[in-house]
C-alpha atoms as a PDB file:
ATOM      1  CA  MET A   1      17.863 -13.330 -64.893  1.00  0.00           C
ATOM      2  CA  SER A   2      20.965 -12.259 -62.982  1.00  0.00           C
ATOM      3  CA  ALA A   3      20.652 -10.320 -59.755  1.00  0.00           C
ATOM      4  CA  ILE A   4      21.602  -6.645 -59.665  1.00  0.00           C
ATOM      5  CA  ILE A   5      22.421  -7.080 -55.944  1.00  0.00           C
ATOM      6  CA  GLU A   6      23.948 -10.304 -54.623  1.00  0.00           C
ATOM      7  CA  ILE A   7      24.567 -10.754 -50.911  1.00  0.00           C
ATOM      8  CA  ARG A   8      26.290 -13.946 -49.782  1.00  0.00           C
ATOM      9  CA  ASP A   9      26.925 -15.084 -46.191  1.00  0.00           C
ATOM     10  CA  TYR A  10      27.195 -11.436 -45.212  1.00  0.00           C
ATOM     11  CA  SER A  11      27.775 -10.451 -41.594  1.00  0.00           C
ATOM     12  CA  TRP A  12      28.715  -7.088 -40.126  1.00  0.00           C
ATOM     13  CA  GLN A  13      29.584  -6.288 -36.525  1.00  0.00           C
ATOM     14  CA  TYR A  14      30.296  -2.743 -35.384  1.00  0.00           C
ATOM     15  CA  LEU A  15      33.320  -2.231 -33.180  1.00  0.00           C
ATOM     16  CA  ASN A  16      32.681  -2.396 -29.445  1.00  0.00           C
ATOM     17  CA  THR A  17      29.414  -4.308 -29.792  1.00  0.00           C
ATOM     18  CA  GLU A  18      28.607  -7.769 -28.475  1.00  0.00           C
ATOM     19  CA  ASN A  19      26.575  -9.092 -31.397  1.00  0.00           C
ATOM     20  CA  PRO A  20      26.671  -8.632 -35.182  1.00  0.00           C
ATOM     21  CA  ALA A  21      24.164  -6.164 -36.629  1.00  0.00           C
ATOM     22  CA  LEU A  22      23.755  -8.495 -39.610  1.00  0.00           C
ATOM     23  CA  ASN A  23      24.469 -12.205 -39.433  1.00  0.00           C
ATOM     24  CA  GLY A  24      24.663 -14.586 -42.383  1.00  0.00           C
ATOM     25  CA  ILE A  25      22.547 -12.608 -44.857  1.00  0.00           C
ATOM     26  CA  ASN A  26      21.870 -14.191 -48.258  1.00  0.00           C
ATOM     27  CA  LEU A  27      19.770 -12.145 -50.678  1.00  0.00           C
ATOM     28  CA  ASP A  28      19.320 -11.601 -54.395  1.00  0.00           C
ATOM     29  CA  ILE A  29      17.542  -8.474 -55.667  1.00  0.00           C
ATOM     30  CA  TYR A  30      16.754  -8.154 -59.365  1.00  0.00           C
ATOM     31  CA  GLU A  31      16.687  -5.227 -61.769  1.00  0.00           C
ATOM     32  CA  GLY A  32      13.353  -3.423 -61.770  1.00  0.00           C
ATOM     33  CA  GLU A  33      12.123  -5.024 -58.541  1.00  0.00           C
ATOM     34  CA  PHE A  34      10.321  -3.009 -55.896  1.00  0.00           C
ATOM     35  CA  VAL A  35      11.327  -4.609 -52.594  1.00  0.00           C
ATOM     36  CA  GLY A  36       9.994  -3.786 -49.144  1.00  0.00           C
ATOM     37  CA  ILE A  37      12.138  -4.502 -46.082  1.00  0.00           C
ATOM     38  CA  ILE A  38      10.526  -4.554 -42.661  1.00  0.00           C
ATOM     39  CA  GLY A  39      11.535  -5.573 -39.166  1.00  0.00           C
ATOM     40  CA  PRO A  40      11.537  -4.452 -35.536  1.00  0.00           C
ATOM     41  CA  ASN A  41      13.941  -1.818 -34.234  1.00  0.00           C
ATOM     42  CA  GLY A  42      17.481  -3.144 -34.066  1.00  0.00           C
ATOM     43  CA  ALA A  43      16.867  -5.775 -36.746  1.00  0.00           C
ATOM     44  CA  GLY A  44      19.704  -4.498 -38.946  1.00  0.00           C
ATOM     45  CA  LYS A  45      17.671  -2.681 -41.607  1.00  0.00           C
ATOM     46  CA  THR A  46      19.712   0.542 -41.678  1.00  0.00           C
ATOM     47  CA  THR A  47      22.957  -1.445 -41.562  1.00  0.00           C
ATOM     48  CA  LEU A  48      21.801  -3.278 -44.677  1.00  0.00           C
ATOM     49  CA  ALA A  49      20.976   0.011 -46.411  1.00  0.00           C
ATOM     50  CA  LEU A  50      24.416   1.414 -45.569  1.00  0.00           C
ATOM     51  CA  SER A  51      26.025  -1.769 -46.869  1.00  0.00           C
ATOM     52  CA  LEU A  52      24.395  -1.459 -50.281  1.00  0.00           C
ATOM     53  CA  ASP A  53      26.057   1.829 -51.214  1.00  0.00           C
ATOM     54  CA  GLY A  54      29.422   1.118 -49.612  1.00  0.00           C
ATOM     55  CA  LEU A  55      29.057   3.417 -46.592  1.00  0.00           C
ATOM     56  CA  ILE A  56      29.662   0.165 -44.735  1.00  0.00           C
ATOM     57  CA  PRO A  57      32.536  -0.559 -44.545  1.00  0.00           C
ATOM     58  CA  GLY A  58      33.674   2.712 -46.156  1.00  0.00           C
ATOM     59  CA  GLN A  59      32.739   5.086 -43.337  1.00  0.00           C
ATOM     60  CA  TYR A  60      32.165   2.739 -40.417  1.00  0.00           C
ATOM     61  CA  HIS A  61      34.530   0.577 -38.414  1.00  0.00           C
ATOM     62  CA  GLY A  62      33.708  -3.036 -37.815  1.00  0.00           C
ATOM     63  CA  VAL A  63      34.244  -6.629 -38.878  1.00  0.00           C
ATOM     64  CA  LYS A  64      32.866  -7.830 -42.196  1.00  0.00           C
ATOM     65  CA  GLN A  65      32.389 -11.369 -43.446  1.00  0.00           C
ATOM     66  CA  GLY A  66      30.931 -12.490 -46.768  1.00  0.00           C
ATOM     67  CA  THR A  67      30.266 -10.403 -49.855  1.00  0.00           C
ATOM     68  CA  VAL A  68      27.949  -7.632 -51.029  1.00  0.00           C
ATOM     69  CA  LYS A  69      27.992  -7.259 -54.813  1.00  0.00           C
ATOM     70  CA  VAL A  70      26.242  -4.539 -56.807  1.00  0.00           C
ATOM     71  CA  MET A  71      26.029  -5.109 -60.555  1.00  0.00           C
ATOM     72  CA  GLY A  72      28.458  -8.001 -60.222  1.00  0.00           C
ATOM     73  CA  LYS A  73      31.136  -6.064 -58.341  1.00  0.00           C
ATOM     74  CA  GLU A  74      31.991  -6.119 -54.641  1.00  0.00           C
ATOM     75  CA  VAL A  75      31.102  -2.750 -53.095  1.00  0.00           C
ATOM     76  CA  GLU A  76      34.618  -2.282 -51.742  1.00  0.00           C
ATOM     77  CA  ALA A  77      36.080  -2.655 -55.236  1.00  0.00           C
ATOM     78  CA  TYR A  78      34.354   0.486 -56.550  1.00  0.00           C
ATOM     79  CA  PRO A  79      36.483   3.655 -56.736  1.00  0.00           C
ATOM     80  CA  ARG A  80      35.412   6.332 -54.275  1.00  0.00           C
ATOM     81  CA  GLY A  81      32.167   7.968 -55.405  1.00  0.00           C
ATOM     82  CA  GLU A  82      31.466   5.631 -58.327  1.00  0.00           C
ATOM     83  CA  LEU A  83      29.111   3.280 -56.500  1.00  0.00           C
ATOM     84  CA  GLN A  84      27.085   6.212 -55.173  1.00  0.00           C
ATOM     85  CA  ARG A  85      26.237   7.128 -58.767  1.00  0.00           C
ATOM     86  CA  GLN A  86      24.599   3.734 -59.166  1.00  0.00           C
ATOM     87  CA  VAL A  87      23.002   3.459 -55.715  1.00  0.00           C
ATOM     88  CA  GLY A  88      21.073   6.448 -54.383  1.00  0.00           C
ATOM     89  CA  VAL A  89      20.103   6.446 -50.708  1.00  0.00           C
ATOM     90  CA  VAL A  90      17.383   8.531 -49.036  1.00  0.00           C
ATOM     91  CA  PHE A  91      17.418   8.531 -45.236  1.00  0.00           C
ATOM     92  CA  SER A  92      14.657   9.338 -42.757  1.00  0.00           C
ATOM     93  CA  ASP A  93      16.242  12.699 -41.810  1.00  0.00           C
ATOM     94  CA  PRO A  94      16.352  14.720 -45.055  1.00  0.00           C
ATOM     95  CA  GLU A  95      18.179  17.701 -43.545  1.00  0.00           C
ATOM     96  CA  ALA A  96      21.240  15.516 -43.011  1.00  0.00           C
ATOM     97  CA  GLN A  97      21.546  15.296 -46.803  1.00  0.00           C
ATOM     98  CA  PHE A  98      21.086  19.004 -47.634  1.00  0.00           C
ATOM     99  CA  THR A  99      24.101  20.982 -48.830  1.00  0.00           C
ATOM    100  CA  ALA A 100      22.638  24.001 -50.679  1.00  0.00           C
ATOM    101  CA  MET A 101      20.775  27.206 -49.822  1.00  0.00           C
ATOM    102  CA  THR A 102      17.818  26.726 -52.189  1.00  0.00           C
ATOM    103  CA  VAL A 103      15.800  23.726 -53.314  1.00  0.00           C
ATOM    104  CA  GLU A 104      16.887  24.304 -56.908  1.00  0.00           C
ATOM    105  CA  ASP A 105      20.572  24.370 -55.971  1.00  0.00           C
ATOM    106  CA  GLU A 106      20.042  21.211 -53.916  1.00  0.00           C
ATOM    107  CA  LEU A 107      18.618  19.382 -56.920  1.00  0.00           C
ATOM    108  CA  VAL A 108      21.259  20.692 -59.304  1.00  0.00           C
ATOM    109  CA  PHE A 109      24.246  19.988 -57.032  1.00  0.00           C
ATOM    110  CA  GLY A 110      24.477  16.272 -57.784  1.00  0.00           C
ATOM    111  CA  LEU A 111      23.894  16.817 -61.505  1.00  0.00           C
ATOM    112  CA  GLU A 112      26.797  19.251 -61.686  1.00  0.00           C
ATOM    113  CA  ASN A 113      29.001  16.677 -59.958  1.00  0.00           C
ATOM    114  CA  LEU A 114      28.038  14.193 -62.662  1.00  0.00           C
ATOM    115  CA  GLY A 115      29.448  16.629 -65.232  1.00  0.00           C
ATOM    116  CA  LEU A 116      26.171  17.033 -67.123  1.00  0.00           C
ATOM    117  CA  SER A 117      25.722  19.854 -69.619  1.00  0.00           C
ATOM    118  CA  ILE A 118      23.419  22.782 -68.852  1.00  0.00           C
ATOM    119  CA  PRO A 119      20.684  21.508 -71.236  1.00  0.00           C
ATOM    120  CA  GLU A 120      20.876  18.054 -69.606  1.00  0.00           C
ATOM    121  CA  ILE A 121      20.646  19.566 -66.130  1.00  0.00           C
ATOM    122  CA  ARG A 122      17.686  21.709 -67.172  1.00  0.00           C
ATOM    123  CA  GLU A 123      15.910  18.676 -68.647  1.00  0.00           C
ATOM    124  CA  ARG A 124      16.410  16.531 -65.549  1.00  0.00           C
ATOM    125  CA  LEU A 125      15.443  19.370 -63.231  1.00  0.00           C
ATOM    126  CA  GLU A 126      12.186  19.883 -65.131  1.00  0.00           C
ATOM    127  CA  TRP A 127      11.457  16.133 -65.065  1.00  0.00           C
ATOM    128  CA  VAL A 128      12.114  15.609 -61.363  1.00  0.00           C
ATOM    129  CA  THR A 129      10.314  18.737 -60.160  1.00  0.00           C
ATOM    130  CA  GLU A 130       7.226  17.723 -62.144  1.00  0.00           C
ATOM    131  CA  LEU A 131       7.426  14.174 -60.774  1.00  0.00           C
ATOM    132  CA  THR A 132       7.721  15.307 -57.153  1.00  0.00           C
ATOM    133  CA  ALA A 133       5.579  18.483 -57.411  1.00  0.00           C
ATOM    134  CA  LEU A 134       8.384  20.769 -56.234  1.00  0.00           C
ATOM    135  CA  LYS A 135       8.379  23.484 -58.909  1.00  0.00           C
ATOM    136  CA  SER A 136       6.900  26.160 -56.634  1.00  0.00           C
ATOM    137  CA  LEU A 137       9.525  25.437 -53.974  1.00  0.00           C
ATOM    138  CA  LEU A 138      12.636  25.812 -56.154  1.00  0.00           C
ATOM    139  CA  PRO A 139      13.648  29.286 -54.869  1.00  0.00           C
ATOM    140  CA  LYS A 140      13.021  28.463 -51.198  1.00  0.00           C
ATOM    141  CA  PRO A 141      15.658  27.396 -48.639  1.00  0.00           C
ATOM    142  CA  PRO A 142      15.272  23.638 -48.022  1.00  0.00           C
ATOM    143  CA  TYR A 143      15.552  24.165 -44.266  1.00  0.00           C
ATOM    144  CA  GLU A 144      12.443  26.379 -44.148  1.00  0.00           C
ATOM    145  CA  ILE A 145       9.892  24.128 -45.837  1.00  0.00           C
ATOM    146  CA  SER A 146       7.665  21.499 -44.224  1.00  0.00           C
ATOM    147  CA  GLY A 147       8.827  18.012 -43.260  1.00  0.00           C
ATOM    148  CA  GLY A 148       6.969  16.370 -46.112  1.00  0.00           C
ATOM    149  CA  GLN A 149       8.405  18.868 -48.588  1.00  0.00           C
ATOM    150  CA  LYS A 150      11.911  18.297 -47.240  1.00  0.00           C
ATOM    151  CA  GLN A 151      11.562  14.571 -47.769  1.00  0.00           C
ATOM    152  CA  ARG A 152      10.357  15.120 -51.328  1.00  0.00           C
ATOM    153  CA  VAL A 153      13.396  17.343 -51.966  1.00  0.00           C
ATOM    154  CA  ALA A 154      15.739  14.642 -50.626  1.00  0.00           C
ATOM    155  CA  LEU A 155      14.001  12.073 -52.815  1.00  0.00           C
ATOM    156  CA  ALA A 156      14.090  14.350 -55.862  1.00  0.00           C
ATOM    157  CA  ALA A 157      17.808  15.041 -55.393  1.00  0.00           C
ATOM    158  CA  VAL A 158      18.508  11.319 -55.612  1.00  0.00           C
ATOM    159  CA  LEU A 159      16.028  10.734 -58.452  1.00  0.00           C
ATOM    160  CA  ALA A 160      17.583  13.500 -60.542  1.00  0.00           C
ATOM    161  CA  MET A 161      20.850  11.575 -60.666  1.00  0.00           C
ATOM    162  CA  MET A 162      18.959   8.599 -62.139  1.00  0.00           C
ATOM    163  CA  PRO A 163      20.677   5.842 -60.161  1.00  0.00           C
ATOM    164  CA  LYS A 164      19.946   2.272 -61.206  1.00  0.00           C
ATOM    165  CA  ILE A 165      19.190   1.369 -57.590  1.00  0.00           C
ATOM    166  CA  MET A 166      17.342   3.455 -55.012  1.00  0.00           C
ATOM    167  CA  VAL A 167      17.383   2.641 -51.303  1.00  0.00           C
ATOM    168  CA  LEU A 168      14.952   4.509 -49.054  1.00  0.00           C
ATOM    169  CA  ASP A 169      15.539   4.019 -45.343  1.00  0.00           C
ATOM    170  CA  GLU A 170      12.289   4.845 -43.523  1.00  0.00           C
ATOM    171  CA  PRO A 171      11.638   7.901 -45.729  1.00  0.00           C
ATOM    172  CA  THR A 172       8.240   8.646 -44.144  1.00  0.00           C
ATOM    173  CA  SER A 173       8.961   7.966 -40.471  1.00  0.00           C
ATOM    174  CA  MET A 174       8.861  11.690 -39.590  1.00  0.00           C
ATOM    175  CA  LEU A 175       5.871  12.580 -41.768  1.00  0.00           C
ATOM    176  CA  ASP A 176       2.145  13.071 -41.245  1.00  0.00           C
ATOM    177  CA  PRO A 177      -0.273  10.743 -43.114  1.00  0.00           C
ATOM    178  CA  VAL A 178      -0.866  13.200 -45.987  1.00  0.00           C
ATOM    179  CA  SER A 179       2.865  13.755 -46.610  1.00  0.00           C
ATOM    180  CA  ARG A 180       3.467  10.028 -46.276  1.00  0.00           C
ATOM    181  CA  LYS A 181       0.877   9.341 -48.961  1.00  0.00           C
ATOM    182  CA  ARG A 182       2.498  11.884 -51.298  1.00  0.00           C
ATOM    183  CA  ILE A 183       5.890  10.200 -50.998  1.00  0.00           C
ATOM    184  CA  PHE A 184       4.388   6.850 -51.920  1.00  0.00           C
ATOM    185  CA  GLU A 185       2.492   8.446 -54.816  1.00  0.00           C
ATOM    186  CA  VAL A 186       5.872   9.532 -56.196  1.00  0.00           C
ATOM    187  CA  LEU A 187       7.251   6.029 -55.695  1.00  0.00           C
ATOM    188  CA  GLY A 188       4.198   4.543 -57.381  1.00  0.00           C
ATOM    189  CA  ARG A 189       4.657   6.752 -60.400  1.00  0.00           C
ATOM    190  CA  LEU A 190       8.354   5.922 -60.440  1.00  0.00           C
ATOM    191  CA  LYS A 191       7.490   2.227 -60.502  1.00  0.00           C
ATOM    192  CA  ARG A 192       5.052   2.686 -63.406  1.00  0.00           C
ATOM    193  CA  GLU A 193       7.247   4.936 -65.538  1.00  0.00           C
ATOM    194  CA  GLN A 194      10.849   3.917 -64.826  1.00  0.00           C
ATOM    195  CA  ASN A 195      12.807   0.699 -64.439  1.00  0.00           C
ATOM    196  CA  ASN A 196      14.710   1.516 -61.259  1.00  0.00           C
ATOM    197  CA  THR A 197      15.336  -1.120 -58.645  1.00  0.00           C
ATOM    198  CA  VAL A 198      13.695   0.320 -55.526  1.00  0.00           C
ATOM    199  CA  ILE A 199      14.317  -0.933 -51.992  1.00  0.00           C
ATOM    200  CA  VAL A 200      12.166   0.647 -49.286  1.00  0.00           C
ATOM    201  CA  ILE A 201      12.690   0.126 -45.566  1.00  0.00           C
ATOM    202  CA  GLU A 202       9.421   1.244 -44.049  1.00  0.00           C
ATOM    203  CA  HIS A 203       6.943   0.880 -41.181  1.00  0.00           C
ATOM    204  CA  SER A 204       3.977   2.290 -43.115  1.00  0.00           C
ATOM    205  CA  LEU A 205       2.770  -1.010 -44.518  1.00  0.00           C
ATOM    206  CA  GLU A 206      -0.567   0.313 -45.832  1.00  0.00           C
ATOM    207  CA  ASN A 207       1.346   2.408 -48.378  1.00  0.00           C
ATOM    208  CA  LEU A 208       4.157  -0.058 -49.050  1.00  0.00           C
ATOM    209  CA  ILE A 209       2.160  -3.238 -49.655  1.00  0.00           C
ATOM    210  CA  PRO A 210       0.387  -2.152 -52.876  1.00  0.00           C
ATOM    211  CA  LEU A 211       3.731  -1.257 -54.497  1.00  0.00           C
ATOM    212  CA  ALA A 212       6.030  -4.045 -53.315  1.00  0.00           C
ATOM    213  CA  ASP A 213       6.761  -6.993 -55.602  1.00  0.00           C
ATOM    214  CA  ARG A 214       8.534  -8.771 -52.769  1.00  0.00           C
ATOM    215  CA  MET A 215       8.907  -8.397 -49.013  1.00  0.00           C
ATOM    216  CA  ILE A 216      11.789  -9.225 -46.686  1.00  0.00           C
ATOM    217  CA  LEU A 217      11.565  -9.525 -42.903  1.00  0.00           C
ATOM    218  CA  LEU A 218      14.734  -8.889 -40.910  1.00  0.00           C
ATOM    219  CA  SER A 219      14.878  -9.994 -37.293  1.00  0.00           C
ATOM    220  CA  GLU A 220      17.924  -9.994 -35.008  1.00  0.00           C
ATOM    221  CA  GLY A 221      20.204  -9.393 -37.978  1.00  0.00           C
ATOM    222  CA  GLN A 222      18.905 -12.294 -40.046  1.00  0.00           C
ATOM    223  CA  VAL A 223      16.410 -12.852 -42.850  1.00  0.00           C
ATOM    224  CA  ALA A 224      13.447 -14.392 -41.025  1.00  0.00           C
ATOM    225  CA  LEU A 225      11.095 -14.455 -44.014  1.00  0.00           C
ATOM    226  CA  GLN A 226      11.016 -13.349 -47.645  1.00  0.00           C
ATOM    227  CA  GLY A 227       8.775 -13.894 -50.633  1.00  0.00           C
ATOM    228  CA  PRO A 228       6.283 -12.346 -53.060  1.00  0.00           C
ATOM    229  CA  THR A 229       4.146  -9.823 -51.204  1.00  0.00           C
ATOM    230  CA  ARG A 230       0.905 -11.807 -51.216  1.00  0.00           C
ATOM    231  CA  THR A 231       2.594 -15.032 -50.132  1.00  0.00           C
ATOM    232  CA  PHE A 232       4.671 -13.178 -47.529  1.00  0.00           C
ATOM    233  CA  PHE A 233       1.685 -11.767 -45.655  1.00  0.00           C
ATOM    234  CA  GLN A 234      -0.065 -15.120 -45.420  1.00  0.00           C
ATOM    235  CA  GLN A 235       2.578 -15.837 -42.748  1.00  0.00           C
ATOM    236  CA  ILE A 236       0.941 -13.311 -40.461  1.00  0.00           C
ATOM    237  CA  ALA A 237       1.428 -15.435 -37.326  1.00  0.00           C
ATOM    238  CA  LEU A 238       5.205 -15.242 -37.775  1.00  0.00           C
ATOM    239  CA  LEU A 239       5.044 -11.493 -38.449  1.00  0.00           C
ATOM    240  CA  LEU A 240       3.065 -10.882 -35.273  1.00  0.00           C
ATOM    241  CA  GLU A 241       5.508 -13.057 -33.333  1.00  0.00           C
ATOM    242  CA  LYS A 242       8.356 -10.852 -34.607  1.00  0.00           C
ATOM    243  CA  GLY A 243       6.579  -7.656 -33.544  1.00  0.00           C
ATOM    244  CA  ILE A 244       5.319  -6.684 -37.003  1.00  0.00           C
ATOM    245  CA  TYR A 245       1.700  -5.560 -37.134  1.00  0.00           C
ATOM    246  CA  PRO A 246       0.156  -5.709 -40.622  1.00  0.00           C
ATOM    247  CA  PRO A 247      -2.726  -3.383 -41.548  1.00  0.00           C
ATOM    248  CA  GLU A 248      -5.857  -3.733 -39.428  1.00  0.00           C
ATOM    249  CA  ALA A 249      -7.907  -5.174 -42.281  1.00  0.00           C
ATOM    250  CA  MET A 250      -5.424  -8.016 -42.663  1.00  0.00           C
ATOM    251  CA  GLN A 251      -5.393  -8.671 -38.920  1.00  0.00           C
ATOM    252  CA  PHE A 252      -9.216  -8.692 -38.905  1.00  0.00           C
ATOM    253  CA  PHE A 253      -9.311 -11.430 -41.547  1.00  0.00           C
ATOM    254  CA  TYR A 254      -6.652 -13.352 -39.656  1.00  0.00           C
ATOM    255  CA  ARG A 255      -8.990 -13.385 -36.648  1.00  0.00           C
ATOM    256  CA  LEU A 256     -11.763 -14.660 -38.918  1.00  0.00           C
ATOM    257  CA  VAL A 257      -9.451 -17.462 -40.032  1.00  0.00           C
ATOM    258  CA  GLN A 258      -8.703 -18.357 -36.421  1.00  0.00           C
ATOM    259  CA  ARG A 259     -12.440 -18.641 -35.737  1.00  0.00           C
ATOM    260  CA  GLN A 260     -12.914 -20.679 -38.928  1.00  0.00           C
ATOM    261  CA  TRP A 261     -15.257 -18.049 -40.369  1.00  0.00           C
ATOM    262  CA  TYR A 262     -12.996 -17.492 -43.398  1.00  0.00           C
ATOM    263  CA  ASN A 263     -10.632 -19.836 -45.240  1.00  0.00           C
ATOM    264  CA  GLY A 264      -9.198 -17.777 -48.126  1.00  0.00           C
ATOM    265  CA  ASP A 265      -6.023 -15.725 -48.556  1.00  0.00           C
ATOM    266  CA  LEU A 266      -5.667 -12.686 -46.343  1.00  0.00           C
ATOM    267  CA  PRO A 267      -6.489  -9.476 -48.260  1.00  0.00           C
ATOM    268  CA  LEU A 268      -3.584  -7.095 -48.848  1.00  0.00           C
ATOM    269  CA  THR A 269      -5.538  -3.850 -49.205  1.00  0.00           C
ATOM    270  CA  LEU A 270      -8.648  -2.228 -47.769  1.00  0.00           C
ATOM    271  CA  ASP A 271     -10.458  -2.584 -51.098  1.00  0.00           C
ATOM    272  CA  GLU A 272      -9.688  -6.306 -51.180  1.00  0.00           C
ATOM    273  CA  ALA A 273     -10.864  -6.633 -47.588  1.00  0.00           C
ATOM    274  CA  ALA A 274     -14.181  -4.895 -48.344  1.00  0.00           C
ATOM    275  CA  GLU A 275     -14.806  -7.132 -51.342  1.00  0.00           C
ATOM    276  CA  ARG A 276     -14.054 -10.313 -49.418  1.00  0.00           C
ATOM    277  CA  LEU A 277     -16.075  -9.213 -46.412  1.00  0.00           C
ATOM    278  CA  GLU A 278     -19.142  -9.007 -48.640  1.00  0.00           C
ATOM    279  CA  HIS A 279     -18.679 -12.682 -49.544  1.00  0.00           C
ATOM    280  CA  VAL A 280     -18.164 -13.613 -45.892  1.00  0.00           C
ATOM    281  CA  LEU A 281     -21.338 -11.812 -44.814  1.00  0.00           C
ATOM    282  CA  MET A 282     -23.514 -12.723 -47.789  1.00  0.00           C
ATOM    283  CA  PRO A 283     -24.624 -16.206 -46.634  1.00  0.00           C
ATOM    284  CA  ARG A 284     -25.219 -14.959 -43.094  1.00  0.00           C
ATOM    285  CA  HIS A 285     -27.196 -11.980 -44.364  1.00  0.00           C
ATOM    286  CA  SER A 286     -29.314 -14.206 -46.617  1.00  0.00           C
ATOM    287  CA  THR A 287     -30.039 -16.568 -43.713  1.00  0.00           C
ATOM    288  CA  TYR A 288     -31.076 -13.671 -41.527  1.00  0.00           C
ATOM    289  CA  GLN A 289     -33.389 -12.237 -44.202  1.00  0.00           C
ATOM    290  CA  GLY A 290     -35.071 -15.598 -44.695  1.00  0.00           C
ATOM    291  CA  SER A 291     -35.644 -16.368 -41.035  1.00  0.00           C
END
């Protein structure tokens, strides 16, 4: 299976900086994959996101080495605006992406630029508002709704254009836990019902882990670790060393491993942790009852 995104020996250094933001990146991302990207602040995550839709080097000055190909074509070779139809990006600050005076106009704006007919626009608008639960907000100004609602509008505006690839750069960093959960519910439904390639840069690992097929750790502009999600998080010592703190349940089982009280894989979710904890405690509980 050929990669929908191919990154080879890619480095990028902004002008007037001492070190490259990305240094020697090699990555393949495949169609339909849901990929999580994590890393400490300054690791190069946003630079990577900007590189995938051509904003780097299109709108930033710096020195580039290597190649970034999307659907077999170097990002710089795409005519202006064409790549953005294939790669939709949602940033952490949704207001920076708003251009219209109502939520409905915001969602329709990109569809009109695609040259879709009125029936096509109506069909997509109905689909995306149902998916993101925004129907009641359509007449409202996007600047006057809550933070979680704003982020859903930004996500819906990208979804409506049906890009093959979606890149979400810390889309829940400004949200409360309830709004954060709603965003990931939309992404979960998107994963089940569509075949988009989704790349999420995120700190909220509890919500990301159940959806991600594969995880990538960036550190100091380089890929420090990557692999299938379950395999990836077995390297918890490296993650902690790099300043990444997995969910508490996973860290708890890691401490059990260190004390030789548990020798299995680390659980990825709270439900898995509860199930495995029963097996850990069962022999001890039986011994106690029989004493």
